[in-house]
N, C-alpha and C. Protein backbone atom coordinates (compact mmCIF):
# COMPACT_ATOMS: atom_id res chain seq x y z
N UNK A 1 86.32 108.32 124.39
CA UNK A 1 87.70 107.83 124.51
C UNK A 1 88.14 107.29 123.16
N UNK A 2 89.37 107.60 122.75
CA UNK A 2 89.85 107.18 121.44
C UNK A 2 90.13 105.68 121.41
N UNK A 3 90.09 105.13 120.20
CA UNK A 3 90.32 103.70 120.03
C UNK A 3 91.75 103.32 120.40
N UNK A 4 92.70 104.23 120.21
CA UNK A 4 94.10 103.95 120.54
C UNK A 4 94.25 103.78 122.04
N UNK A 5 93.58 104.59 122.82
CA UNK A 5 93.68 104.48 124.28
C UNK A 5 92.96 103.24 124.79
N UNK A 6 92.00 102.74 124.03
CA UNK A 6 91.26 101.54 124.44
C UNK A 6 91.98 100.27 124.03
N UNK A 7 92.95 100.36 123.13
CA UNK A 7 93.65 99.19 122.60
C UNK A 7 94.89 98.91 123.44
N UNK A 8 94.96 97.72 124.02
CA UNK A 8 96.12 97.30 124.81
C UNK A 8 96.69 96.03 124.19
N UNK A 9 97.93 96.10 123.65
CA UNK A 9 98.55 94.91 123.07
C UNK A 9 98.78 93.83 124.14
N UNK A 10 98.73 92.58 123.72
CA UNK A 10 98.95 91.47 124.64
C UNK A 10 100.39 90.98 124.54
N UNK A 11 100.85 90.37 125.61
CA UNK A 11 102.17 89.74 125.71
C UNK A 11 103.27 90.71 125.30
N UNK A 12 104.13 90.32 124.33
CA UNK A 12 105.28 91.15 123.97
C UNK A 12 105.03 91.99 122.72
N UNK A 13 103.78 92.28 122.45
CA UNK A 13 103.46 93.07 121.26
C UNK A 13 103.45 94.56 121.59
N UNK A 14 103.81 95.36 120.58
CA UNK A 14 103.95 96.80 120.75
C UNK A 14 103.21 97.50 119.62
N UNK A 15 102.45 98.53 119.95
CA UNK A 15 101.74 99.33 118.96
C UNK A 15 102.60 100.54 118.62
N UNK A 16 102.94 100.69 117.33
CA UNK A 16 103.86 101.74 116.88
C UNK A 16 103.18 102.61 115.84
N UNK A 17 103.38 103.89 115.94
CA UNK A 17 102.92 104.84 114.93
C UNK A 17 104.13 105.19 114.06
N UNK A 18 104.08 104.84 112.78
CA UNK A 18 105.20 105.14 111.87
C UNK A 18 105.33 106.64 111.67
N UNK A 19 106.56 107.11 111.57
CA UNK A 19 106.80 108.51 111.25
C UNK A 19 106.53 108.73 109.78
N UNK A 20 106.03 109.91 109.45
CA UNK A 20 105.67 110.23 108.07
C UNK A 20 106.84 110.93 107.39
N UNK A 21 107.11 110.54 106.16
CA UNK A 21 108.19 111.14 105.39
C UNK A 21 107.85 112.58 105.05
N UNK A 22 108.88 113.39 104.88
CA UNK A 22 108.70 114.80 104.55
C UNK A 22 108.05 114.93 103.17
N UNK A 23 107.13 115.89 103.04
CA UNK A 23 106.46 116.11 101.77
C UNK A 23 107.12 117.21 100.96
N UNK A 24 108.07 117.93 101.58
CA UNK A 24 108.81 118.96 100.86
C UNK A 24 110.30 118.74 101.07
N UNK A 25 111.08 119.17 100.11
CA UNK A 25 112.53 119.04 100.23
C UNK A 25 113.07 120.17 101.10
N UNK A 26 114.35 120.12 101.41
CA UNK A 26 114.96 121.17 102.21
C UNK A 26 114.87 122.52 101.52
N UNK A 27 114.84 122.51 100.18
CA UNK A 27 114.74 123.74 99.41
C UNK A 27 113.31 124.23 99.25
N UNK A 28 112.32 123.48 99.77
CA UNK A 28 110.93 123.91 99.70
C UNK A 28 110.16 123.35 98.53
N UNK A 29 110.75 122.41 97.77
CA UNK A 29 110.07 121.83 96.62
C UNK A 29 109.15 120.70 97.09
N UNK A 30 107.92 120.71 96.60
CA UNK A 30 106.95 119.66 96.95
C UNK A 30 107.36 118.35 96.29
N UNK A 31 107.41 117.28 97.08
CA UNK A 31 107.80 115.97 96.56
C UNK A 31 106.57 115.13 96.24
N UNK A 32 106.54 114.47 95.08
CA UNK A 32 105.41 113.58 94.78
C UNK A 32 105.46 112.34 95.67
N UNK A 33 104.31 111.71 95.86
CA UNK A 33 104.24 110.53 96.74
C UNK A 33 105.14 109.41 96.25
N UNK A 34 105.32 109.29 94.94
CA UNK A 34 106.14 108.20 94.40
C UNK A 34 107.61 108.34 94.78
N UNK A 35 108.06 109.55 95.06
CA UNK A 35 109.47 109.74 95.41
C UNK A 35 109.71 109.76 96.92
N UNK A 36 108.63 109.73 97.71
CA UNK A 36 108.79 109.74 99.17
C UNK A 36 109.14 108.34 99.66
N UNK A 37 110.10 108.29 100.54
CA UNK A 37 110.52 107.01 101.10
C UNK A 37 109.62 106.62 102.27
N UNK A 38 109.46 105.32 102.46
CA UNK A 38 108.76 104.83 103.65
C UNK A 38 109.80 104.78 104.77
N UNK A 39 109.56 105.53 105.82
CA UNK A 39 110.51 105.59 106.92
C UNK A 39 110.43 104.33 107.77
N UNK A 40 111.56 103.88 108.25
CA UNK A 40 111.61 102.71 109.13
C UNK A 40 111.71 103.14 110.59
N UNK A 41 111.16 104.30 110.89
CA UNK A 41 111.18 104.81 112.25
C UNK A 41 109.75 104.99 112.73
N UNK A 42 109.56 104.85 114.02
CA UNK A 42 108.23 105.04 114.58
C UNK A 42 108.32 105.38 116.05
N UNK A 43 107.16 105.73 116.61
CA UNK A 43 107.05 106.07 118.02
C UNK A 43 106.13 105.06 118.69
N UNK A 44 106.56 104.54 119.83
CA UNK A 44 105.78 103.54 120.56
C UNK A 44 104.56 104.23 121.18
N UNK A 45 103.38 103.70 120.86
CA UNK A 45 102.12 104.26 121.36
C UNK A 45 101.61 103.47 122.57
N UNK A 46 101.79 102.15 122.52
CA UNK A 46 101.29 101.29 123.61
C UNK A 46 102.11 100.00 123.64
N UNK A 47 102.28 99.44 124.83
CA UNK A 47 103.07 98.21 125.01
C UNK A 47 102.28 97.18 125.79
N UNK A 48 102.51 95.92 125.46
CA UNK A 48 101.98 94.84 126.26
C UNK A 48 102.86 94.62 127.49
N UNK A 49 102.44 93.77 128.42
CA UNK A 49 103.21 93.56 129.65
C UNK A 49 104.53 92.82 129.43
N UNK A 50 104.61 91.99 128.39
CA UNK A 50 105.84 91.25 128.12
C UNK A 50 105.55 89.79 127.82
N UNK A 51 106.56 89.09 127.37
CA UNK A 51 106.44 87.67 127.04
C UNK A 51 106.50 86.84 128.32
N UNK A 52 106.00 85.63 128.25
CA UNK A 52 106.02 84.73 129.39
C UNK A 52 106.98 83.58 129.08
N UNK A 53 107.95 83.37 129.96
CA UNK A 53 108.91 82.29 129.75
C UNK A 53 108.32 80.96 130.22
N UNK A 54 109.01 79.84 129.96
CA UNK A 54 108.47 78.53 130.34
C UNK A 54 108.19 78.36 131.83
N UNK A 55 108.88 79.13 132.68
CA UNK A 55 108.64 79.04 134.12
C UNK A 55 107.44 79.86 134.57
N UNK A 56 106.84 80.63 133.64
CA UNK A 56 105.69 81.45 133.97
C UNK A 56 106.04 82.87 134.38
N UNK A 57 107.32 83.23 134.33
CA UNK A 57 107.73 84.58 134.68
C UNK A 57 107.56 85.51 133.47
N UNK A 58 107.25 86.77 133.73
CA UNK A 58 107.06 87.75 132.67
C UNK A 58 108.40 88.40 132.33
N UNK A 59 108.74 88.39 131.04
CA UNK A 59 109.93 89.08 130.55
C UNK A 59 109.46 90.42 130.01
N UNK A 60 109.77 91.54 130.67
CA UNK A 60 109.24 92.83 130.23
C UNK A 60 109.78 93.25 128.86
N UNK A 61 109.00 94.08 128.17
CA UNK A 61 109.43 94.57 126.86
C UNK A 61 110.57 95.57 127.04
N UNK A 62 111.37 95.74 125.99
CA UNK A 62 112.58 96.57 126.07
C UNK A 62 112.32 98.04 125.81
N UNK A 63 111.11 98.39 125.39
CA UNK A 63 110.79 99.79 125.09
C UNK A 63 109.64 100.25 125.96
N UNK A 64 109.43 101.56 125.98
CA UNK A 64 108.29 102.11 126.72
C UNK A 64 107.57 103.12 125.83
N UNK A 65 106.40 103.53 126.26
CA UNK A 65 105.58 104.46 125.49
C UNK A 65 106.35 105.77 125.28
N UNK A 66 106.36 106.23 124.04
CA UNK A 66 107.05 107.47 123.70
C UNK A 66 108.43 107.27 123.12
N UNK A 67 108.98 106.06 123.19
CA UNK A 67 110.31 105.79 122.63
C UNK A 67 110.26 105.83 121.11
N UNK A 68 111.33 106.34 120.49
CA UNK A 68 111.47 106.34 119.04
C UNK A 68 112.28 105.10 118.68
N UNK A 69 111.74 104.25 117.80
CA UNK A 69 112.35 102.96 117.50
C UNK A 69 112.62 102.80 116.01
N UNK A 70 113.54 101.89 115.68
CA UNK A 70 113.86 101.52 114.31
C UNK A 70 113.13 100.22 113.98
N UNK A 71 112.36 100.23 112.89
CA UNK A 71 111.53 99.09 112.52
C UNK A 71 112.10 98.35 111.32
N UNK A 72 111.81 97.06 111.17
CA UNK A 72 112.25 96.34 109.99
C UNK A 72 111.41 96.76 108.77
N UNK A 73 111.93 96.48 107.57
CA UNK A 73 111.19 96.82 106.36
C UNK A 73 109.86 96.08 106.27
N UNK A 74 109.85 94.82 106.67
CA UNK A 74 108.66 94.00 106.58
C UNK A 74 108.36 93.40 107.93
N UNK A 75 107.11 93.05 108.15
CA UNK A 75 106.73 92.41 109.39
C UNK A 75 105.67 93.20 110.12
N UNK A 76 105.13 92.61 111.14
CA UNK A 76 104.10 93.27 111.92
C UNK A 76 102.74 93.19 111.26
N UNK A 77 101.75 93.70 111.96
CA UNK A 77 100.37 93.73 111.47
C UNK A 77 99.91 95.17 111.39
N UNK A 78 99.41 95.57 110.23
CA UNK A 78 98.93 96.94 110.06
C UNK A 78 97.53 97.05 110.65
N UNK A 79 97.33 98.12 111.43
CA UNK A 79 96.03 98.40 112.04
C UNK A 79 95.60 99.80 111.68
N UNK A 80 94.29 99.99 111.57
CA UNK A 80 93.74 101.32 111.36
C UNK A 80 92.83 101.64 112.54
N UNK A 81 93.25 102.59 113.37
CA UNK A 81 92.48 103.01 114.53
C UNK A 81 92.27 104.52 114.45
N UNK A 82 91.04 104.97 114.56
CA UNK A 82 90.71 106.40 114.46
C UNK A 82 91.25 107.00 113.17
N UNK A 83 91.13 106.29 112.07
CA UNK A 83 91.57 106.74 110.74
C UNK A 83 93.06 107.01 110.66
N UNK A 84 93.85 106.42 111.53
CA UNK A 84 95.31 106.51 111.48
C UNK A 84 95.87 105.11 111.37
N UNK A 85 97.00 105.00 110.68
CA UNK A 85 97.65 103.70 110.48
C UNK A 85 98.67 103.44 111.59
N UNK A 86 98.62 102.25 112.14
CA UNK A 86 99.55 101.81 113.18
C UNK A 86 100.12 100.46 112.78
N UNK A 87 101.20 100.07 113.45
CA UNK A 87 101.83 98.79 113.22
C UNK A 87 101.92 98.06 114.55
N UNK A 88 101.41 96.83 114.58
CA UNK A 88 101.50 95.99 115.77
C UNK A 88 102.64 95.01 115.53
N UNK A 89 103.66 95.08 116.38
CA UNK A 89 104.89 94.33 116.15
C UNK A 89 105.38 93.71 117.45
N UNK A 90 106.10 92.61 117.35
CA UNK A 90 106.66 91.96 118.54
C UNK A 90 107.90 92.74 119.01
N UNK A 91 108.15 92.68 120.29
CA UNK A 91 109.30 93.35 120.88
C UNK A 91 110.60 92.86 120.24
N UNK A 92 110.69 91.57 119.96
CA UNK A 92 111.92 91.01 119.40
C UNK A 92 112.16 91.43 117.95
N UNK A 93 111.14 91.95 117.26
CA UNK A 93 111.30 92.38 115.87
C UNK A 93 111.82 93.81 115.76
N UNK A 94 111.78 94.57 116.84
CA UNK A 94 112.28 95.94 116.81
C UNK A 94 113.80 95.89 116.72
N UNK A 95 114.35 96.66 115.77
CA UNK A 95 115.78 96.60 115.51
C UNK A 95 116.60 97.44 116.48
N UNK A 96 116.03 98.49 116.99
CA UNK A 96 116.79 99.36 117.90
C UNK A 96 115.94 100.48 118.44
N UNK A 97 116.50 101.20 119.40
CA UNK A 97 115.81 102.32 120.03
C UNK A 97 116.73 103.54 119.96
N UNK A 98 116.18 104.68 119.56
CA UNK A 98 116.95 105.91 119.50
C UNK A 98 116.98 106.54 120.90
N UNK A 99 118.15 106.91 121.35
CA UNK A 99 118.30 107.55 122.66
C UNK A 99 119.01 108.89 122.49
N UNK A 100 118.71 109.80 123.38
CA UNK A 100 119.38 111.10 123.35
C UNK A 100 120.70 110.98 124.07
N UNK A 101 121.76 111.41 123.39
CA UNK A 101 123.10 111.35 123.96
C UNK A 101 123.40 112.71 124.59
N UNK A 102 123.76 112.69 125.85
CA UNK A 102 124.13 113.94 126.51
C UNK A 102 125.64 114.07 126.53
N UNK A 103 126.11 115.20 126.12
CA UNK A 103 127.57 115.43 126.11
C UNK A 103 127.98 116.07 127.44
N UNK A 104 129.05 115.62 127.95
CA UNK A 104 129.55 116.14 129.22
C UNK A 104 130.86 116.83 129.04
């Protein structure tokens, strides 16, 4: 069993896999690492059950596994699981969630 499947965040923490920047331009030119931007987007890999309010009730997290989210430039805890980099971040630190818009 992989380490990612064994890792369960606690409370309102969320495990996110950052999206990787493109290594080639639209024209097919290879980009050096120094010119690649760090993307502020990621995919939710695992979620905790939620925060606990003063009354003892659980406040569920606003995202679910598989959601594409917008992350802040700084913050969170970097983790390395199965030789991949992940970010452990609080639910309240996530800036937004990307949703598919259906046109009618």
